[in-house]
Amino acid sequence: MNKVTFMPVTQMLKPQKNTKTHTYTPFEAHRSFSSVLKNSIEKINEAQIQSDKMTEKLARGENVDLHQVMIASQKASITMQAALEIRNKVIEAYQETMRMQV
């Protein structure tokens, strides 16, 4: 059975002294990737929902600070833009891989 070896992202962000990698089966790697993708999309959705709620409160005249509404709106916008850029880079990498001759 083929095994995929990679270092968890949390370890890559820390300074490394003794680098240890964990070997995952393809199924485990797929499940790990899908859970990271799902969590990321959920966070983007939560930021959008929070921004919408705060905007609605401001529009109804409830006691909400304008700067808090703007901050929530910008956070939602930035997370969406980052997700779109990541998606574009993944698609670009996939297309480049498909162009490679074997």
PDB file of N, CA and C in Angstrom:
ATOM      1  N   MET A   1       0.844  -1.171   0.000  1.00  0.00           N
ATOM      2  CA  MET A   1       0.000   0.000   0.000  1.00  0.00           C
ATOM      3  C   MET A   1       0.895   1.241   0.000  1.00  0.00           C
ATOM      4  N   ASN A   2       0.564   2.222  -0.814  1.00  0.00           N
ATOM      5  CA  ASN A   2       1.323   3.460  -0.884  1.00  0.00           C
ATOM      6  C   ASN A   2       1.064   4.296   0.353  1.00  0.00           C
ATOM      7  N   LYS A   3       2.103   4.943   0.836  1.00  0.00           N
ATOM      8  CA  LYS A   3       1.984   5.815   1.997  1.00  0.00           C
ATOM      9  C   LYS A   3       2.409   7.218   1.598  1.00  0.00           C
ATOM     10  N   VAL A   4       1.701   8.219   2.110  1.00  0.00           N
ATOM     11  CA  VAL A   4       2.032   9.607   1.861  1.00  0.00           C
ATOM     12  C   VAL A   4       2.646  10.157   3.137  1.00  0.00           C
ATOM     13  N   THR A   5       3.815  10.788   3.036  1.00  0.00           N
ATOM     14  CA  THR A   5       4.488  11.321   4.207  1.00  0.00           C
ATOM     15  C   THR A   5       4.528  12.834   4.117  1.00  0.00           C
ATOM     16  N   PHE A   6       4.053  13.485   5.175  1.00  0.00           N
ATOM     17  CA  PHE A   6       4.158  14.934   5.236  1.00  0.00           C
ATOM     18  C   PHE A   6       4.143  15.376   6.679  1.00  0.00           C
ATOM     19  N   MET A   7       4.634  16.586   6.892  1.00  0.00           N
ATOM     20  CA  MET A   7       4.720  17.147   8.226  1.00  0.00           C
ATOM     21  C   MET A   7       3.465  17.975   8.483  1.00  0.00           C
ATOM     22  N   PRO A   8       2.843  17.822   9.666  1.00  0.00           N
ATOM     23  CA  PRO A   8       1.669  18.633   9.975  1.00  0.00           C
ATOM     24  C   PRO A   8       1.999  20.126   9.913  1.00  0.00           C
ATOM     25  N   VAL A   9       1.015  20.938   9.512  1.00  0.00           N
ATOM     26  CA  VAL A   9       1.213  22.376   9.329  1.00  0.00           C
ATOM     27  C   VAL A   9       1.667  23.029  10.621  1.00  0.00           C
ATOM     28  N   THR A  10       1.137  22.590  11.750  1.00  0.00           N
ATOM     29  CA  THR A  10       1.512  23.202  13.021  1.00  0.00           C
ATOM     30  C   THR A  10       2.995  23.036  13.304  1.00  0.00           C
ATOM     31  N   GLN A  11       3.572  21.937  12.858  1.00  0.00           N
ATOM     32  CA  GLN A  11       4.998  21.727  13.057  1.00  0.00           C
ATOM     33  C   GLN A  11       5.820  22.556  12.080  1.00  0.00           C
ATOM     34  N   MET A  12       5.309  22.808  10.900  1.00  0.00           N
ATOM     35  CA  MET A  12       6.050  23.586   9.918  1.00  0.00           C
ATOM     36  C   MET A  12       6.181  25.040  10.348  1.00  0.00           C
ATOM     37  N   LEU A  13       5.247  25.530  11.143  1.00  0.00           N
ATOM     38  CA  LEU A  13       5.274  26.918  11.554  1.00  0.00           C
ATOM     39  C   LEU A  13       6.224  27.165  12.713  1.00  0.00           C
ATOM     40  N   LYS A  14       6.655  26.118  13.402  1.00  0.00           N
ATOM     41  CA  LYS A  14       7.543  26.248  14.543  1.00  0.00           C
ATOM     42  C   LYS A  14       8.989  26.016  14.091  1.00  0.00           C
ATOM     43  N   PRO A  15       9.961  26.646  14.777  1.00  0.00           N
ATOM     44  CA  PRO A  15      11.358  26.342  14.457  1.00  0.00           C
ATOM     45  C   PRO A  15      11.634  24.861  14.719  1.00  0.00           C
ATOM     46  N   GLN A  16      12.316  24.228  13.791  1.00  0.00           N
ATOM     47  CA  GLN A  16      12.541  22.792  13.887  1.00  0.00           C
ATOM     48  C   GLN A  16      13.938  22.484  14.414  1.00  0.00           C
ATOM     49  N   LYS A  17      14.011  21.596  15.394  1.00  0.00           N
ATOM     50  CA  LYS A  17      15.285  21.070  15.873  1.00  0.00           C
ATOM     51  C   LYS A  17      15.413  19.634  15.398  1.00  0.00           C
ATOM     52  N   ASN A  18      14.506  18.796  15.852  1.00  0.00           N
ATOM     53  CA  ASN A  18      14.460  17.405  15.407  1.00  0.00           C
ATOM     54  C   ASN A  18      13.185  17.229  14.601  1.00  0.00           C
ATOM     55  N   THR A  19      13.344  17.133  13.290  1.00  0.00           N
ATOM     56  CA  THR A  19      12.180  17.022  12.428  1.00  0.00           C
ATOM     57  C   THR A  19      11.730  15.575  12.380  1.00  0.00           C
ATOM     58  N   LYS A  20      10.479  15.343  12.797  1.00  0.00           N
ATOM     59  CA  LYS A  20       9.877  14.018  12.713  1.00  0.00           C
ATOM     60  C   LYS A  20       8.660  14.139  11.829  1.00  0.00           C
ATOM     61  N   THR A  21       8.516  13.212  10.906  1.00  0.00           N
ATOM     62  CA  THR A  21       7.350  13.226  10.039  1.00  0.00           C
ATOM     63  C   THR A  21       6.466  12.053  10.394  1.00  0.00           C
ATOM     64  N   HIS A  22       5.215  12.220  10.108  1.00  0.00           N
ATOM     65  CA  HIS A  22       4.242  11.159  10.348  1.00  0.00           C
ATOM     66  C   HIS A  22       3.836  10.599   9.001  1.00  0.00           C
ATOM     67  N   THR A  23       3.766   9.291   8.907  1.00  0.00           N
ATOM     68  CA  THR A  23       3.379   8.649   7.659  1.00  0.00           C
ATOM     69  C   THR A  23       1.889   8.356   7.694  1.00  0.00           C
ATOM     70  N   TYR A  24       1.199   8.850   6.679  1.00  0.00           N
ATOM     71  CA  TYR A  24      -0.237   8.668   6.565  1.00  0.00           C
ATOM     72  C   TYR A  24      -0.546   7.771   5.374  1.00  0.00           C
ATOM     73  N   THR A  25      -1.598   7.009   5.506  1.00  0.00           N
ATOM     74  CA  THR A  25      -2.087   6.264   4.350  1.00  0.00           C
ATOM     75  C   THR A  25      -2.809   7.266   3.449  1.00  0.00           C
ATOM     76  N   PRO A  26      -3.031   6.933   2.182  1.00  0.00           N
ATOM     77  CA  PRO A  26      -3.766   7.864   1.319  1.00  0.00           C
ATOM     78  C   PRO A  26      -5.148   8.217   1.872  1.00  0.00           C
ATOM     79  N   PHE A  27      -5.815   7.251   2.483  1.00  0.00           N
ATOM     80  CA  PHE A  27      -7.134   7.527   3.060  1.00  0.00           C
ATOM     81  C   PHE A  27      -7.031   8.543   4.187  1.00  0.00           C
ATOM     82  N   GLU A  28      -6.030   8.378   5.064  1.00  0.00           N
ATOM     83  CA  GLU A  28      -5.852   9.315   6.176  1.00  0.00           C
ATOM     84  C   GLU A  28      -5.497  10.713   5.670  1.00  0.00           C
ATOM     85  N   ALA A  29      -4.660  10.778   4.650  1.00  0.00           N
ATOM     86  CA  ALA A  29      -4.291  12.072   4.083  1.00  0.00           C
ATOM     87  C   ALA A  29      -5.507  12.746   3.463  1.00  0.00           C
ATOM     88  N   HIS A  30      -6.324  11.976   2.764  1.00  0.00           N
ATOM     89  CA  HIS A  30      -7.545  12.518   2.144  1.00  0.00           C
ATOM     90  C   HIS A  30      -8.491  13.037   3.225  1.00  0.00           C
ATOM     91  N   ARG A  31      -8.682  12.242   4.263  1.00  0.00           N
ATOM     92  CA  ARG A  31      -9.585  12.635   5.347  1.00  0.00           C
ATOM     93  C   ARG A  31      -9.064  13.884   6.054  1.00  0.00           C
ATOM     94  N   SER A  32      -7.752  13.955   6.277  1.00  0.00           N
ATOM     95  CA  SER A  32      -7.155  15.113   6.927  1.00  0.00           C
ATOM     96  C   SER A  32      -7.329  16.369   6.069  1.00  0.00           C
ATOM     97  N   PHE A  33      -7.062  16.243   4.771  1.00  0.00           N
ATOM     98  CA  PHE A  33      -7.211  17.378   3.863  1.00  0.00           C
ATOM     99  C   PHE A  33      -8.659  17.843   3.816  1.00  0.00           C
ATOM    100  N   SER A  34      -9.580  16.897   3.725  1.00  0.00           N
ATOM    101  CA  SER A  34     -10.996  17.283   3.635  1.00  0.00           C
ATOM    102  C   SER A  34     -11.460  17.956   4.917  1.00  0.00           C
ATOM    103  N   SER A  35     -10.965  17.526   6.064  1.00  0.00           N
ATOM    104  CA  SER A  35     -11.380  18.170   7.311  1.00  0.00           C
ATOM    105  C   SER A  35     -10.807  19.584   7.407  1.00  0.00           C
ATOM    106  N   VAL A  36      -9.577  19.786   6.948  1.00  0.00           N
ATOM    107  CA  VAL A  36      -8.990  21.128   6.948  1.00  0.00           C
ATOM    108  C   VAL A  36      -9.769  22.031   6.006  1.00  0.00           C
ATOM    109  N   LEU A  37     -10.105  21.519   4.837  1.00  0.00           N
ATOM    110  CA  LEU A  37     -10.871  22.293   3.861  1.00  0.00           C
ATOM    111  C   LEU A  37     -12.247  22.650   4.407  1.00  0.00           C
ATOM    112  N   LYS A  38     -12.909  21.683   5.018  1.00  0.00           N
ATOM    113  CA  LYS A  38     -14.241  21.924   5.582  1.00  0.00           C
ATOM    114  C   LYS A  38     -14.183  22.966   6.696  1.00  0.00           C
ATOM    115  N   ASN A  39     -13.201  22.864   7.587  1.00  0.00           N
ATOM    116  CA  ASN A  39     -13.068  23.829   8.680  1.00  0.00           C
ATOM    117  C   ASN A  39     -12.790  25.229   8.154  1.00  0.00           C
ATOM    118  N   SER A  40     -11.981  25.323   7.115  1.00  0.00           N
ATOM    119  CA  SER A  40     -11.674  26.632   6.538  1.00  0.00           C
ATOM    120  C   SER A  40     -12.913  27.265   5.926  1.00  0.00           C
ATOM    121  N   ILE A  41     -13.679  26.480   5.201  1.00  0.00           N
ATOM    122  CA  ILE A  41     -14.905  27.011   4.595  1.00  0.00           C
ATOM    123  C   ILE A  41     -15.903  27.423   5.666  1.00  0.00           C
ATOM    124  N   GLU A  42     -15.984  26.653   6.752  1.00  0.00           N
ATOM    125  CA  GLU A  42     -16.882  27.014   7.851  1.00  0.00           C
ATOM    126  C   GLU A  42     -16.475  28.329   8.496  1.00  0.00           C
ATOM    127  N   LYS A  43     -15.165  28.565   8.647  1.00  0.00           N
ATOM    128  CA  LYS A  43     -14.695  29.826   9.230  1.00  0.00           C
ATOM    129  C   LYS A  43     -15.021  31.007   8.329  1.00  0.00           C
ATOM    130  N   ILE A  44     -14.879  30.813   7.021  1.00  0.00           N
ATOM    131  CA  ILE A  44     -15.230  31.873   6.077  1.00  0.00           C
ATOM    132  C   ILE A  44     -16.717  32.175   6.174  1.00  0.00           C
ATOM    133  N   ASN A  45     -17.524  31.128   6.240  1.00  0.00           N
ATOM    134  CA  ASN A  45     -18.967  31.301   6.347  1.00  0.00           C
ATOM    135  C   ASN A  45     -19.342  32.008   7.651  1.00  0.00           C
ATOM    136  N   GLU A  46     -18.698  31.652   8.751  1.00  0.00           N
ATOM    137  CA  GLU A  46     -18.979  32.297  10.031  1.00  0.00           C
ATOM    138  C   GLU A  46     -18.658  33.788   9.976  1.00  0.00           C
ATOM    139  N   ALA A  47     -17.553  34.146   9.330  1.00  0.00           N
ATOM    140  CA  ALA A  47     -17.184  35.561   9.205  1.00  0.00           C
ATOM    141  C   ALA A  47     -18.228  36.305   8.376  1.00  0.00           C
ATOM    142  N   GLN A  48     -18.719  35.686   7.310  1.00  0.00           N
ATOM    143  CA  GLN A  48     -19.750  36.308   6.480  1.00  0.00           C
ATOM    144  C   GLN A  48     -21.059  36.484   7.263  1.00  0.00           C
ATOM    145  N   ILE A  49     -21.434  35.473   8.006  1.00  0.00           N
ATOM    146  CA  ILE A  49     -22.669  35.536   8.803  1.00  0.00           C
ATOM    147  C   ILE A  49     -22.568  36.623   9.873  1.00  0.00           C
ATOM    148  N   GLN A  50     -21.422  36.681  10.554  1.00  0.00           N
ATOM    149  CA  GLN A  50     -21.214  37.708  11.587  1.00  0.00           C
ATOM    150  C   GLN A  50     -21.303  39.102  10.984  1.00  0.00           C
ATOM    151  N   SER A  51     -20.699  39.286   9.829  1.00  0.00           N
ATOM    152  CA  SER A  51     -20.761  40.583   9.150  1.00  0.00           C
ATOM    153  C   SER A  51     -22.200  40.935   8.788  1.00  0.00           C
ATOM    154  N   ASP A  52     -22.943  39.973   8.256  1.00  0.00           N
ATOM    155  CA  ASP A  52     -24.345  40.211   7.889  1.00  0.00           C
ATOM    156  C   ASP A  52     -25.194  40.579   9.106  1.00  0.00           C
ATOM    157  N   LYS A  53     -24.991  39.875  10.210  1.00  0.00           N
ATOM    158  CA  LYS A  53     -25.765  40.160  11.428  1.00  0.00           C
ATOM    159  C   LYS A  53     -25.506  41.569  11.933  1.00  0.00           C
ATOM    160  N   MET A  54     -24.228  41.953  11.954  1.00  0.00           N
ATOM    161  CA  MET A  54     -23.889  43.277  12.463  1.00  0.00           C
ATOM    162  C   MET A  54     -24.417  44.369  11.526  1.00  0.00           C
ATOM    163  N   THR A  55     -24.375  44.133  10.227  1.00  0.00           N
ATOM    164  CA  THR A  55     -24.902  45.099   9.264  1.00  0.00           C
ATOM    165  C   THR A  55     -26.406  45.262   9.432  1.00  0.00           C
ATOM    166  N   GLU A  56     -27.102  44.141   9.633  1.00  0.00           N
ATOM    167  CA  GLU A  56     -28.555  44.208   9.853  1.00  0.00           C
ATOM    168  C   GLU A  56     -28.887  44.976  11.129  1.00  0.00           C
ATOM    169  N   LYS A  57     -28.117  44.743  12.189  1.00  0.00           N
ATOM    170  CA  LYS A  57     -28.356  45.470  13.440  1.00  0.00           C
ATOM    171  C   LYS A  57     -28.171  46.971  13.235  1.00  0.00           C
ATOM    172  N   LEU A  58     -27.137  47.338  12.481  1.00  0.00           N
ATOM    173  CA  LEU A  58     -26.897  48.759  12.217  1.00  0.00           C
ATOM    174  C   LEU A  58     -28.035  49.347  11.395  1.00  0.00           C
ATOM    175  N   ALA A  59     -28.517  48.600  10.398  1.00  0.00           N
ATOM    176  CA  ALA A  59     -29.597  49.090   9.537  1.00  0.00           C
ATOM    177  C   ALA A  59     -30.909  49.253  10.317  1.00  0.00           C
ATOM    178  N   ARG A  60     -31.135  48.408  11.324  1.00  0.00           N
ATOM    179  CA  ARG A  60     -32.354  48.508  12.132  1.00  0.00           C
ATOM    180  C   ARG A  60     -32.261  49.580  13.202  1.00  0.00           C
ATOM    181  N   GLY A  61     -31.075  50.154  13.363  1.00  0.00           N
ATOM    182  CA  GLY A  61     -30.907  51.218  14.354  1.00  0.00           C
ATOM    183  C   GLY A  61     -30.571  50.701  15.738  1.00  0.00           C
ATOM    184  N   GLU A  62     -30.172  49.444  15.860  1.00  0.00           N
ATOM    185  CA  GLU A  62     -29.800  48.906  17.169  1.00  0.00           C
ATOM    186  C   GLU A  62     -28.479  49.515  17.615  1.00  0.00           C
ATOM    187  N   ASN A  63     -28.168  49.328  18.880  1.00  0.00           N
ATOM    188  CA  ASN A  63     -26.972  49.913  19.472  1.00  0.00           C
ATOM    189  C   ASN A  63     -25.730  49.105  19.068  1.00  0.00           C
ATOM    190  N   VAL A  64     -25.176  49.455  17.904  1.00  0.00           N
ATOM    191  CA  VAL A  64     -23.968  48.794  17.393  1.00  0.00           C
ATOM    192  C   VAL A  64     -23.021  49.887  16.931  1.00  0.00           C
ATOM    193  N   ASP A  65     -21.759  49.759  17.309  1.00  0.00           N
ATOM    194  CA  ASP A  65     -20.768  50.746  16.873  1.00  0.00           C
ATOM    195  C   ASP A  65     -20.461  50.558  15.397  1.00  0.00           C
ATOM    196  N   LEU A  66     -20.409  51.670  14.690  1.00  0.00           N
ATOM    197  CA  LEU A  66     -20.140  51.632  13.255  1.00  0.00           C
ATOM    198  C   LEU A  66     -18.777  51.009  12.965  1.00  0.00           C
ATOM    199  N   HIS A  67     -17.793  51.344  13.798  1.00  0.00           N
ATOM    200  CA  HIS A  67     -16.460  50.797  13.524  1.00  0.00           C
ATOM    201  C   HIS A  67     -16.425  49.278  13.720  1.00  0.00           C
ATOM    202  N   GLN A  68     -17.233  48.734  14.619  1.00  0.00           N
ATOM    203  CA  GLN A  68     -17.288  47.285  14.791  1.00  0.00           C
ATOM    204  C   GLN A  68     -17.925  46.620  13.570  1.00  0.00           C
ATOM    205  N   VAL A  69     -18.934  47.274  13.014  1.00  0.00           N
ATOM    206  CA  VAL A  69     -19.583  46.761  11.807  1.00  0.00           C
ATOM    207  C   VAL A  69     -18.581  46.755  10.653  1.00  0.00           C
ATOM    208  N   MET A  70     -17.838  47.845  10.513  1.00  0.00           N
ATOM    209  CA  MET A  70     -16.853  47.941   9.432  1.00  0.00           C
ATOM    210  C   MET A  70     -15.726  46.924   9.601  1.00  0.00           C
ATOM    211  N   ILE A  71     -15.294  46.697  10.834  1.00  0.00           N
ATOM    212  CA  ILE A  71     -14.240  45.709  11.094  1.00  0.00           C
ATOM    213  C   ILE A  71     -14.730  44.310  10.722  1.00  0.00           C
ATOM    214  N   ALA A  72     -15.955  43.975  11.128  1.00  0.00           N
ATOM    215  CA  ALA A  72     -16.515  42.661  10.797  1.00  0.00           C
ATOM    216  C   ALA A  72     -16.650  42.500   9.287  1.00  0.00           C
ATOM    217  N   SER A  73     -17.063  43.571   8.620  1.00  0.00           N
ATOM    218  CA  SER A  73     -17.214  43.534   7.167  1.00  0.00           C
ATOM    219  C   SER A  73     -15.868  43.325   6.479  1.00  0.00           C
ATOM    220  N   GLN A  74     -14.854  44.021   6.936  1.00  0.00           N
ATOM    221  CA  GLN A  74     -13.525  43.879   6.332  1.00  0.00           C
ATOM    222  C   GLN A  74     -12.921  42.507   6.608  1.00  0.00           C
ATOM    223  N   LYS A  75     -13.141  41.970   7.804  1.00  0.00           N
ATOM    224  CA  LYS A  75     -12.657  40.619   8.101  1.00  0.00           C
ATOM    225  C   LYS A  75     -13.284  39.606   7.157  1.00  0.00           C
ATOM    226  N   ALA A  76     -14.597  39.729   6.950  1.00  0.00           N
ATOM    227  CA  ALA A  76     -15.292  38.817   6.045  1.00  0.00           C
ATOM    228  C   ALA A  76     -14.764  38.962   4.620  1.00  0.00           C
ATOM    229  N   SER A  77     -14.544  40.197   4.211  1.00  0.00           N
ATOM    230  CA  SER A  77     -14.040  40.453   2.860  1.00  0.00           C
ATOM    231  C   SER A  77     -12.638  39.892   2.670  1.00  0.00           C
ATOM    232  N   ILE A  78     -11.780  40.100   3.637  1.00  0.00           N
ATOM    233  CA  ILE A  78     -10.400  39.619   3.531  1.00  0.00           C
ATOM    234  C   ILE A  78     -10.344  38.096   3.541  1.00  0.00           C
ATOM    235  N   THR A  79     -11.127  37.455   4.391  1.00  0.00           N
ATOM    236  CA  THR A  79     -11.115  35.992   4.406  1.00  0.00           C
ATOM    237  C   THR A  79     -11.633  35.421   3.090  1.00  0.00           C
ATOM    238  N   MET A  80     -12.642  36.059   2.511  1.00  0.00           N
ATOM    239  CA  MET A  80     -13.157  35.598   1.220  1.00  0.00           C
ATOM    240  C   MET A  80     -12.128  35.808   0.117  1.00  0.00           C
ATOM    241  N   GLN A  81     -11.470  36.953   0.110  1.00  0.00           N
ATOM    242  CA  GLN A  81     -10.442  37.220  -0.894  1.00  0.00           C
ATOM    243  C   GLN A  81      -9.284  36.240  -0.772  1.00  0.00           C
ATOM    244  N   ALA A  82      -8.879  35.942   0.458  1.00  0.00           N
ATOM    245  CA  ALA A  82      -7.793  34.987   0.663  1.00  0.00           C
ATOM    246  C   ALA A  82      -8.193  33.600   0.166  1.00  0.00           C
ATOM    247  N   ALA A  83      -9.410  33.194   0.456  1.00  0.00           N
ATOM    248  CA  ALA A  83      -9.889  31.884  -0.007  1.00  0.00           C
ATOM    249  C   ALA A  83      -9.921  31.814  -1.529  1.00  0.00           C
ATOM    250  N   LEU A  84     -10.355  32.884  -2.167  1.00  0.00           N
ATOM    251  CA  LEU A  84     -10.390  32.909  -3.631  1.00  0.00           C
ATOM    252  C   LEU A  84      -8.987  32.863  -4.229  1.00  0.00           C
ATOM    253  N   GLU A  85      -8.044  33.556  -3.610  1.00  0.00           N
ATOM    254  CA  GLU A  85      -6.663  33.518  -4.102  1.00  0.00           C
ATOM    255  C   GLU A  85      -6.055  32.129  -3.935  1.00  0.00           C
ATOM    256  N   ILE A  86      -6.345  31.488  -2.810  1.00  0.00           N
ATOM    257  CA  ILE A  86      -5.850  30.124  -2.598  1.00  0.00           C
ATOM    258  C   ILE A  86      -6.453  29.187  -3.620  1.00  0.00           C
ATOM    259  N   ARG A  87      -7.768  29.319  -3.850  1.00  0.00           N
ATOM    260  CA  ARG A  87      -8.427  28.500  -4.868  1.00  0.00           C
ATOM    261  C   ARG A  87      -7.793  28.709  -6.231  1.00  0.00           C
ATOM    262  N   ASN A  88      -7.530  29.970  -6.598  1.00  0.00           N
ATOM    263  CA  ASN A  88      -6.915  30.258  -7.885  1.00  0.00           C
ATOM    264  C   ASN A  88      -5.533  29.632  -8.011  1.00  0.00           C
ATOM    265  N   LYS A  89      -4.751  29.678  -6.948  1.00  0.00           N
ATOM    266  CA  LYS A  89      -3.414  29.081  -6.976  1.00  0.00           C
ATOM    267  C   LYS A  89      -3.482  27.565  -7.079  1.00  0.00           C
ATOM    268  N   VAL A  90      -4.438  26.956  -6.400  1.00  0.00           N
ATOM    269  CA  VAL A  90      -4.596  25.503  -6.486  1.00  0.00           C
ATOM    270  C   VAL A  90      -4.995  25.101  -7.902  1.00  0.00           C
ATOM    271  N   ILE A  91      -5.918  25.831  -8.496  1.00  0.00           N
ATOM    272  CA  ILE A  91      -6.334  25.532  -9.871  1.00  0.00           C
ATOM    273  C   ILE A  91      -5.173  25.724 -10.828  1.00  0.00           C
ATOM    274  N   GLU A  92      -4.411  26.787 -10.630  1.00  0.00           N
ATOM    275  CA  GLU A  92      -3.245  27.048 -11.475  1.00  0.00           C
ATOM    276  C   GLU A  92      -2.215  25.920 -11.349  1.00  0.00           C
ATOM    277  N   ALA A  93      -1.977  25.455 -10.131  1.00  0.00           N
ATOM    278  CA  ALA A  93      -1.029  24.351  -9.923  1.00  0.00           C
ATOM    279  C   ALA A  93      -1.544  23.068 -10.559  1.00  0.00           C
ATOM    280  N   TYR A  94      -2.834  22.819 -10.456  1.00  0.00           N
ATOM    281  CA  TYR A  94      -3.432  21.635 -11.074  1.00  0.00           C
ATOM    282  C   TYR A  94      -3.280  21.696 -12.589  1.00  0.00           C
ATOM    283  N   GLN A  95      -3.574  22.853 -13.169  1.00  0.00           N
ATOM    284  CA  GLN A  95      -3.451  22.990 -14.620  1.00  0.00           C
ATOM    285  C   GLN A  95      -2.002  22.814 -15.068  1.00  0.00           C
ATOM    286  N   GLU A  96      -1.069  23.339 -14.296  1.00  0.00           N
ATOM    287  CA  GLU A  96       0.348  23.175 -14.626  1.00  0.00           C
ATOM    288  C   GLU A  96       0.753  21.704 -14.542  1.00  0.00           C
ATOM    289  N   THR A  97       0.240  21.012 -13.554  1.00  0.00           N
ATOM    290  CA  THR A  97       0.527  19.581 -13.417  1.00  0.00           C
ATOM    291  C   THR A  97      -0.039  18.801 -14.595  1.00  0.00           C
ATOM    292  N   MET A  98      -1.230  19.166 -15.023  1.00  0.00           N
ATOM    293  CA  MET A  98      -1.846  18.459 -16.145  1.00  0.00           C
ATOM    294  C   MET A  98      -1.099  18.713 -17.452  1.00  0.00           C
ATOM    295  N   ARG A  99      -0.417  19.834 -17.572  1.00  0.00           N
ATOM    296  CA  ARG A  99       0.356  20.136 -18.771  1.00  0.00           C
ATOM    297  C   ARG A  99       1.677  19.393 -18.822  1.00  0.00           C
ATOM    298  N   MET A 100       2.118  18.864 -17.682  1.00  0.00           N
ATOM    299  CA  MET A 100       3.414  18.183 -17.630  1.00  0.00           C
ATOM    300  C   MET A 100       3.356  16.891 -18.446  1.00  0.00           C
ATOM    301  N   GLN A 101       4.438  16.629 -19.146  1.00  0.00           N
ATOM    302  CA  GLN A 101       4.530  15.399 -19.914  1.00  0.00           C
ATOM    303  C   GLN A 101       5.171  14.326 -19.052  1.00  0.00           C
ATOM    304  N   VAL A 102       4.604  13.143 -19.125  1.00  0.00           N
ATOM    305  CA  VAL A 102       5.101  12.041 -18.293  1.00  0.00           C
ATOM    306  C   VAL A 102       6.067  11.194 -19.097  1.00  0.00           C
TER     307      VAL A 102
END
